[in-house]
Protein backbone atom coordinates (compact mmCIF):
# COMPACT_ATOMS: atom_id res chain seq x y z
CA MET A 1 20.06 4.04 21.41
CA LYS A 2 18.16 5.86 18.76
CA LYS A 3 18.63 2.85 16.44
CA ILE A 4 17.48 0.47 19.10
CA LEU A 5 14.32 2.66 19.59
CA LEU A 6 13.75 2.90 15.73
CA HIS A 7 13.89 -0.79 15.40
CA LEU A 8 11.61 -1.29 18.39
CA CYS A 9 9.02 1.15 16.80
CA THR A 10 9.30 -0.56 13.46
CA ALA A 11 8.79 -3.97 15.03
CA GLY A 12 5.80 -2.59 17.01
CA ALA A 13 4.33 -1.08 14.07
CA VAL A 14 4.55 -4.43 12.06
CA LEU A 15 2.98 -6.35 15.00
CA LEU A 16 0.19 -3.76 15.21
CA ALA A 17 -0.54 -4.00 11.43
CA SER A 18 -0.61 -7.89 11.77
CA LEU A 19 -2.97 -7.71 14.67
CA VAL A 20 -5.19 -5.41 12.81
CA THR A 21 -5.09 -7.63 9.77
CA ALA A 22 -5.91 -10.69 11.96
CA THR A 23 -8.82 -8.85 13.53
CA ALA A 24 -10.20 -7.73 10.10
CA ALA A 25 -9.92 -11.25 8.88
CA ASP A 26 -11.64 -12.32 12.23
CA SER A 27 -14.33 -9.87 11.67
CA LYS A 28 -15.73 -11.40 8.53
CA LEU A 29 -19.34 -12.53 8.76
CA VAL A 30 -19.52 -16.25 9.15
CA VAL A 31 -22.52 -17.94 7.37
CA ALA A 32 -22.94 -21.53 8.12
CA MET A 33 -24.88 -23.79 5.61
CA LEU A 34 -26.44 -27.00 6.60
CA PRO A 35 -27.85 -29.41 3.85
CA LYS A 36 -29.77 -32.49 4.43
CA SER A 37 -26.87 -34.50 3.02
CA LYS A 38 -23.55 -33.00 2.16
CA GLY A 39 -23.00 -35.76 -0.58
CA ASN A 40 -26.06 -35.29 -2.39
CA ALA A 41 -25.53 -33.65 -5.98
CA TYR A 42 -28.48 -31.57 -5.32
CA PHE A 43 -26.88 -29.75 -2.28
CA ILE A 44 -23.39 -29.83 -3.96
CA SER A 45 -24.89 -27.74 -6.59
CA CYS A 46 -26.53 -25.43 -4.22
CA LYS A 47 -23.11 -24.92 -2.72
CA VAL A 48 -21.71 -23.74 -6.17
CA GLY A 49 -24.17 -20.86 -5.91
CA ALA A 50 -23.47 -20.12 -2.16
CA ASP A 51 -19.85 -20.03 -2.85
CA LYS A 52 -20.35 -17.64 -5.54
CA ALA A 53 -22.39 -15.32 -3.33
CA ALA A 54 -19.92 -15.78 -0.47
CA LYS A 55 -17.12 -14.56 -2.72
CA GLU A 56 -19.07 -11.35 -3.86
CA LEU A 57 -20.25 -10.61 -0.23
CA GLY A 58 -16.70 -11.15 1.22
CA ILE A 59 -17.92 -13.46 3.88
CA GLN A 60 -16.63 -16.80 5.15
CA LEU A 61 -18.88 -19.73 4.26
CA LEU A 62 -19.00 -23.01 6.41
CA PHE A 63 -20.59 -25.95 4.50
CA ASP A 64 -21.31 -29.25 6.49
CA GLY A 65 -23.97 -31.75 6.81
CA PRO A 66 -24.64 -35.35 7.51
CA THR A 67 -23.34 -37.81 4.86
CA ASP A 68 -27.05 -39.17 4.64
CA SER A 69 -30.36 -38.02 5.66
CA ASN A 70 -29.77 -37.86 9.42
CA ALA A 71 -31.86 -35.46 11.49
CA ALA A 72 -29.90 -36.10 14.72
CA LYS A 73 -26.64 -35.43 12.87
CA GLN A 74 -28.04 -31.96 11.66
CA ASN A 75 -28.76 -31.23 15.39
CA GLU A 76 -25.24 -31.94 16.42
CA ILE A 77 -23.84 -29.74 13.62
CA VAL A 78 -26.02 -26.83 14.75
CA GLU A 79 -24.95 -27.27 18.45
CA ASN A 80 -21.26 -27.06 17.34
CA TRP A 81 -21.91 -23.98 15.24
CA ILE A 82 -23.42 -22.34 18.32
CA THR A 83 -20.27 -23.07 20.24
CA LEU A 84 -18.28 -21.59 17.46
CA GLY A 85 -20.55 -18.45 17.42
CA VAL A 86 -21.22 -18.28 13.80
CA ASP A 87 -23.37 -15.15 12.56
CA VAL A 88 -25.79 -17.02 10.43
CA ILE A 89 -27.00 -20.39 10.07
CA ALA A 90 -28.89 -21.61 6.86
CA VAL A 91 -30.73 -24.93 7.28
CA ALA A 92 -32.33 -27.42 4.77
CA ALA A 93 -34.34 -29.03 7.64
CA GLU A 94 -34.43 -32.95 7.39
CA ASN A 95 -37.03 -33.04 10.31
CA LYS A 96 -39.04 -29.84 10.78
CA GLU A 97 -39.73 -30.36 14.46
CA GLY A 98 -36.56 -32.02 15.41
CA ILE A 99 -34.23 -29.34 14.23
CA SER A 100 -36.32 -26.37 15.47
CA THR A 101 -35.26 -26.81 19.06
CA ALA A 102 -31.46 -26.55 18.21
CA LEU A 103 -32.32 -23.41 16.01
CA ARG A 104 -34.17 -21.63 18.80
CA LYS A 105 -31.23 -22.19 20.75
CA ALA A 106 -29.04 -20.56 18.14
CA GLN A 107 -31.32 -17.60 18.02
CA LYS A 108 -31.19 -17.20 21.78
CA ALA A 109 -27.35 -17.06 21.40
CA GLY A 110 -27.86 -14.07 18.97
CA ILE A 111 -27.30 -16.18 15.81
CA LYS A 112 -29.49 -15.37 12.79
CA VAL A 113 -31.35 -18.27 11.46
CA LEU A 114 -33.04 -18.84 7.98
CA THR A 115 -34.16 -22.01 6.16
CA PHE A 116 -33.70 -23.11 2.51
CA ASP A 117 -35.07 -25.80 0.40
CA ALA A 118 -37.03 -27.48 3.53
CA ASP A 119 -38.40 -25.51 6.17
CA ALA A 120 -38.11 -25.63 10.26
CA MET A 121 -41.07 -24.33 12.47
CA THR A 122 -41.60 -20.70 11.94
CA ASP A 123 -40.57 -19.48 15.23
CA ALA A 124 -37.11 -21.19 14.83
CA ARG A 125 -35.97 -19.03 12.00
CA SER A 126 -36.54 -15.54 10.38
CA PHE A 127 -37.26 -16.45 6.77
CA PHE A 128 -37.58 -19.46 4.47
CA VAL A 129 -35.83 -19.23 1.13
CA ASN A 130 -38.39 -21.14 -0.79
CA GLN A 131 -37.38 -22.78 -4.22
CA ALA A 132 -41.12 -22.80 -5.20
CA THR A 133 -44.57 -23.01 -3.33
CA PRO A 134 -45.26 -26.49 -2.11
CA GLU A 135 -48.57 -26.35 -3.79
CA GLY A 136 -46.96 -25.35 -7.21
CA ILE A 137 -44.50 -28.35 -6.89
CA GLY A 138 -46.97 -30.94 -6.05
CA GLN A 139 -49.44 -29.85 -8.69
CA GLY A 140 -46.82 -29.51 -11.29
CA LEU A 141 -45.57 -33.21 -10.48
CA MET A 142 -49.07 -34.57 -10.35
CA ASP A 143 -49.99 -32.78 -13.69
CA GLU A 144 -47.00 -34.24 -15.57
CA ALA A 145 -47.57 -37.62 -14.01
CA ALA A 146 -51.06 -37.44 -15.60
CA ARG A 147 -49.84 -36.14 -18.87
CA LEU A 148 -47.44 -39.19 -19.11
CA THR A 149 -50.12 -41.83 -18.33
CA ASN A 150 -53.16 -40.26 -20.19
CA SER A 151 -54.58 -39.63 -16.58
CA GLU A 152 -55.33 -43.28 -15.83
CA GLY A 153 -53.31 -46.31 -14.19
CA GLU A 154 -51.28 -47.02 -11.09
CA PHE A 155 -48.23 -45.23 -10.17
CA ALA A 156 -45.93 -45.14 -7.25
CA MET A 157 -43.74 -42.65 -5.36
CA ILE A 158 -40.26 -42.59 -4.23
CA VAL A 159 -39.21 -39.95 -1.51
CA ALA A 160 -36.04 -39.10 0.35
CA SER A 161 -37.58 -39.88 3.67
CA LEU A 162 -40.99 -40.02 5.26
CA THR A 163 -40.06 -37.43 7.81
CA ALA A 164 -38.75 -34.68 5.63
CA SER A 165 -40.96 -31.70 6.08
CA ASN A 166 -41.00 -30.69 2.33
CA GLN A 167 -41.29 -34.11 1.16
CA ARG A 168 -44.33 -34.59 3.19
CA GLU A 169 -45.81 -31.32 2.04
CA TRP A 170 -45.13 -31.98 -1.50
CA GLN A 171 -46.74 -35.27 -1.23
CA GLN A 172 -49.92 -33.81 0.55
CA HIS A 173 -50.34 -31.41 -2.44
CA ILE A 174 -49.67 -34.30 -5.10
CA GLU A 175 -52.46 -36.46 -3.31
CA ALA A 176 -54.90 -33.49 -3.08
CA ARG A 177 -54.24 -32.76 -6.85
CA LEU A 178 -54.78 -36.51 -7.61
CA LYS A 179 -58.17 -36.79 -5.72
CA GLU A 180 -59.36 -33.47 -7.44
CA LYS A 181 -58.33 -34.03 -10.94
CA TYR A 182 -57.29 -37.48 -11.74
CA PRO A 183 -59.95 -40.04 -10.41
CA LYS A 184 -58.67 -42.88 -12.93
CA MET A 185 -55.21 -42.80 -11.26
CA LYS A 186 -54.17 -44.37 -8.34
CA LEU A 187 -51.12 -44.03 -5.96
CA VAL A 188 -50.18 -47.68 -4.95
CA ALA A 189 -46.97 -47.25 -2.82
CA VAL A 190 -44.62 -44.62 -1.40
CA ARG A 191 -41.14 -45.76 -0.62
CA PRO A 192 -38.20 -43.88 1.12
CA CYS A 193 -34.74 -43.97 -0.35
CA ASP A 194 -32.82 -42.16 2.41
CA ASP A 195 -31.50 -39.71 -0.46
CA LEU A 196 -29.64 -42.64 -2.02
CA LYS A 197 -29.54 -43.68 -5.62
CA ASP A 198 -28.63 -47.16 -5.08
CA LYS A 199 -31.47 -47.66 -2.45
CA ALA A 200 -33.87 -45.69 -4.74
CA GLN A 201 -32.94 -48.42 -7.56
CA SER A 202 -33.65 -51.34 -5.19
CA GLU A 203 -37.00 -49.84 -3.97
CA ALA A 204 -38.05 -48.99 -7.63
CA THR A 205 -37.09 -52.66 -8.53
CA ALA A 206 -39.31 -54.00 -5.52
CA LEU A 207 -42.27 -51.67 -6.77
CA LEU A 208 -41.91 -53.09 -10.35
CA SER A 209 -42.03 -56.63 -8.94
CA ALA A 210 -44.80 -56.13 -6.59
CA ASN A 211 -47.01 -54.01 -8.99
CA PRO A 212 -47.12 -55.46 -12.46
CA LYS A 213 -49.65 -52.98 -13.60
CA LEU A 214 -47.51 -50.08 -12.65
CA LYS A 215 -47.51 -47.32 -15.33
CA LEU A 216 -45.36 -44.65 -13.82
CA ILE A 217 -42.74 -44.10 -11.03
CA MET A 218 -42.53 -40.59 -9.63
CA ALA A 219 -39.35 -39.71 -7.46
CA ILE A 220 -39.64 -36.52 -5.50
CA CYS A 221 -35.77 -36.45 -4.49
CA SER A 222 -32.78 -35.89 -6.73
CA PRO A 223 -31.21 -39.37 -6.31
CA GLY A 224 -34.48 -40.99 -6.70
CA VAL A 225 -34.93 -40.20 -10.49
CA PRO A 226 -31.95 -41.73 -11.79
CA GLY A 227 -32.18 -44.66 -9.42
CA ALA A 228 -35.73 -45.50 -10.47
CA ALA A 229 -34.72 -44.97 -14.22
CA GLU A 230 -31.89 -47.52 -13.69
CA ALA A 231 -34.46 -50.07 -12.31
CA VAL A 232 -36.76 -49.50 -15.18
CA LYS A 233 -33.84 -49.92 -17.70
CA GLN A 234 -32.50 -53.06 -16.08
CA ALA A 235 -35.91 -54.49 -15.75
CA GLY A 236 -36.32 -54.15 -19.71
CA LEU A 237 -39.46 -51.91 -19.11
CA THR A 238 -38.15 -48.62 -21.05
CA GLY A 239 -41.09 -47.01 -22.47
CA LYS A 240 -43.68 -49.20 -20.65
CA VAL A 241 -43.12 -47.88 -17.18
CA LYS A 242 -42.62 -43.94 -17.18
CA VAL A 243 -40.20 -42.28 -14.86
CA MET A 244 -40.31 -38.77 -13.89
CA GLY A 245 -39.88 -36.40 -10.68
CA LEU A 246 -37.69 -33.82 -9.11
CA GLY A 247 -33.97 -34.12 -10.23
CA LEU A 248 -30.74 -32.61 -11.58
CA PRO A 249 -30.26 -32.27 -15.27
CA ASN A 250 -26.85 -33.65 -15.31
CA GLU A 251 -27.78 -36.75 -13.30
CA ASN A 252 -30.61 -37.54 -15.71
CA LYS A 253 -29.35 -36.64 -19.24
CA ARG A 254 -28.54 -40.19 -20.28
CA TYR A 255 -31.72 -41.68 -19.15
CA VAL A 256 -33.70 -38.79 -20.74
CA HIS A 257 -32.00 -39.30 -24.13
CA ALA A 258 -32.33 -43.13 -23.71
CA GLY A 259 -35.94 -42.73 -23.37
CA VAL A 260 -36.16 -44.08 -19.91
CA THR A 261 -37.03 -40.83 -18.03
CA ASP A 262 -39.52 -38.63 -19.77
CA SER A 263 -39.18 -35.41 -17.81
CA ILE A 264 -37.76 -33.95 -14.57
CA ILE A 265 -38.87 -30.84 -12.70
CA LEU A 266 -36.74 -28.67 -10.70
CA TRP A 267 -35.44 -25.09 -10.30
CA ASN A 268 -31.96 -23.57 -10.74
CA THR A 269 -30.27 -25.06 -7.45
CA GLY A 270 -27.20 -22.70 -7.62
CA ASP A 271 -29.55 -19.83 -7.57
CA LEU A 272 -31.25 -21.32 -4.67
CA GLY A 273 -27.94 -21.50 -2.61
CA TYR A 274 -26.97 -18.16 -3.98
CA LEU A 275 -30.22 -16.50 -2.71
CA ALA A 276 -29.92 -18.10 0.77
CA ILE A 277 -26.53 -16.61 1.39
CA TYR A 278 -27.54 -13.01 0.29
CA ALA A 279 -30.61 -13.31 2.39
CA GLY A 280 -28.55 -14.59 5.43
CA VAL A 281 -25.92 -11.70 5.10
CA ALA A 282 -28.86 -9.18 4.63
CA LEU A 283 -30.33 -10.66 7.81
CA ALA A 284 -27.12 -10.41 9.76
CA LYS A 285 -26.62 -6.77 8.68
CA ASP A 286 -30.32 -5.85 9.65
CA GLU A 287 -30.99 -5.17 6.10
CA LEU A 288 -33.64 -7.90 5.51
CA LYS A 289 -36.68 -7.32 8.13
CA GLN A 290 -40.08 -8.78 8.79
CA GLY A 291 -42.76 -7.19 6.77
CA ALA A 292 -40.42 -6.65 3.58
CA LYS A 293 -42.27 -7.30 0.37
CA THR A 294 -39.18 -7.58 -1.94
CA PHE A 295 -35.53 -8.60 -1.67
CA LYS A 296 -32.64 -7.84 -4.01
CA ALA A 297 -29.90 -10.48 -4.31
CA GLY A 298 -26.95 -9.32 -6.39
CA SER A 299 -26.70 -10.42 -9.91
CA LEU A 300 -29.95 -12.33 -9.72
CA GLY A 301 -32.25 -9.24 -9.13
CA THR A 302 -35.15 -8.79 -7.06
CA PHE A 303 -37.40 -11.55 -5.53
CA THR A 304 -40.86 -11.48 -3.98
CA ILE A 305 -41.44 -12.04 -0.27
CA ALA A 306 -44.75 -13.59 0.67
CA GLY A 307 -45.11 -13.33 4.44
CA ASP A 308 -41.68 -14.78 5.62
CA ASN A 309 -41.05 -16.81 2.38
CA ILE A 310 -38.49 -15.54 -0.02
CA LEU A 311 -39.71 -17.12 -3.35
CA LEU A 312 -37.10 -18.11 -5.89
CA GLY A 313 -39.59 -18.91 -8.58
CA LYS A 314 -41.83 -21.48 -10.37
CA PRO A 315 -40.61 -25.03 -11.03
CA PHE A 316 -39.21 -25.83 -14.59
CA ILE A 317 -39.58 -28.87 -16.75
CA PHE A 318 -36.36 -30.48 -18.37
CA ASN A 319 -37.07 -32.87 -21.06
CA LYS A 320 -35.19 -34.16 -24.34
CA ALA A 321 -35.88 -30.97 -26.17
CA ASN A 322 -34.11 -28.66 -23.49
CA ILE A 323 -32.09 -30.54 -21.01
CA ASP A 324 -28.85 -30.28 -22.83
CA GLN A 325 -28.94 -26.38 -22.43
CA PHE A 326 -28.31 -26.74 -18.67
CA ASP A 327 -25.22 -27.72 -16.61
CA PHE A 328 -25.96 -28.61 -13.05
């Protein structure tokens, strides 16, 4: 009888230990990260930094998004995460107004919400992890375009979509800088590429055909730059029509070295993903609050908070002289 009792006690202890272990695993914070497009190399590189942060912090990271720029699909994914009861949602908003209703619902369900890369409405999230100020990005792009064209002539712009909040804001600052400083330059067209390289290439080809005096194509989404570069290359216009914009070094190195693309402007996308996860976890633990002026994110150090924007830093210009130093 004693042996039976001993076996029962032992089995009970093992079962209890298993339950405790399962509960501990289940108690991990769950942070859900929603890119505009999960297949876009830009957001894949953001995920590299996010994965690193998740490992350091011991949390579970969910990463999901539309296969292309699809605001309705983003809403659907947020609704699913509300049902799952995740702890934090970090969103790069495709449509600022469209996503905000779902994010407000998440907040009412007790889920902490922040945005990164592209913001939602301010009442639909607590903080925006901002890669750089929209003004800094817009002015930097326009100044670089002016440098490459000697501040005169026609240029065209390729955007991810006509509805993405960050793209619209950057475009506003580009156009304001154009009007303020470069009266001899003219923006002749703006074309969306749906965050797809092939579509960016076809749009750039159409722009080159419709605008024979075009001196430069500026792409302000990462697939847009190599897409435009391929169009210029195939048209035999390398050196005659400049290509520049926001892009990833690895996607553009061959075009930069071939002289098709002159420069790309960006920030460290891995750092952006890393910072977003650290901020989300701090928000969930009530360690990041409104009114804070600085925020420390692991090995990246301390960042400035301007209002409800956590600022990653200033944009960086990649060109033939330095692009091989970077691998993302």
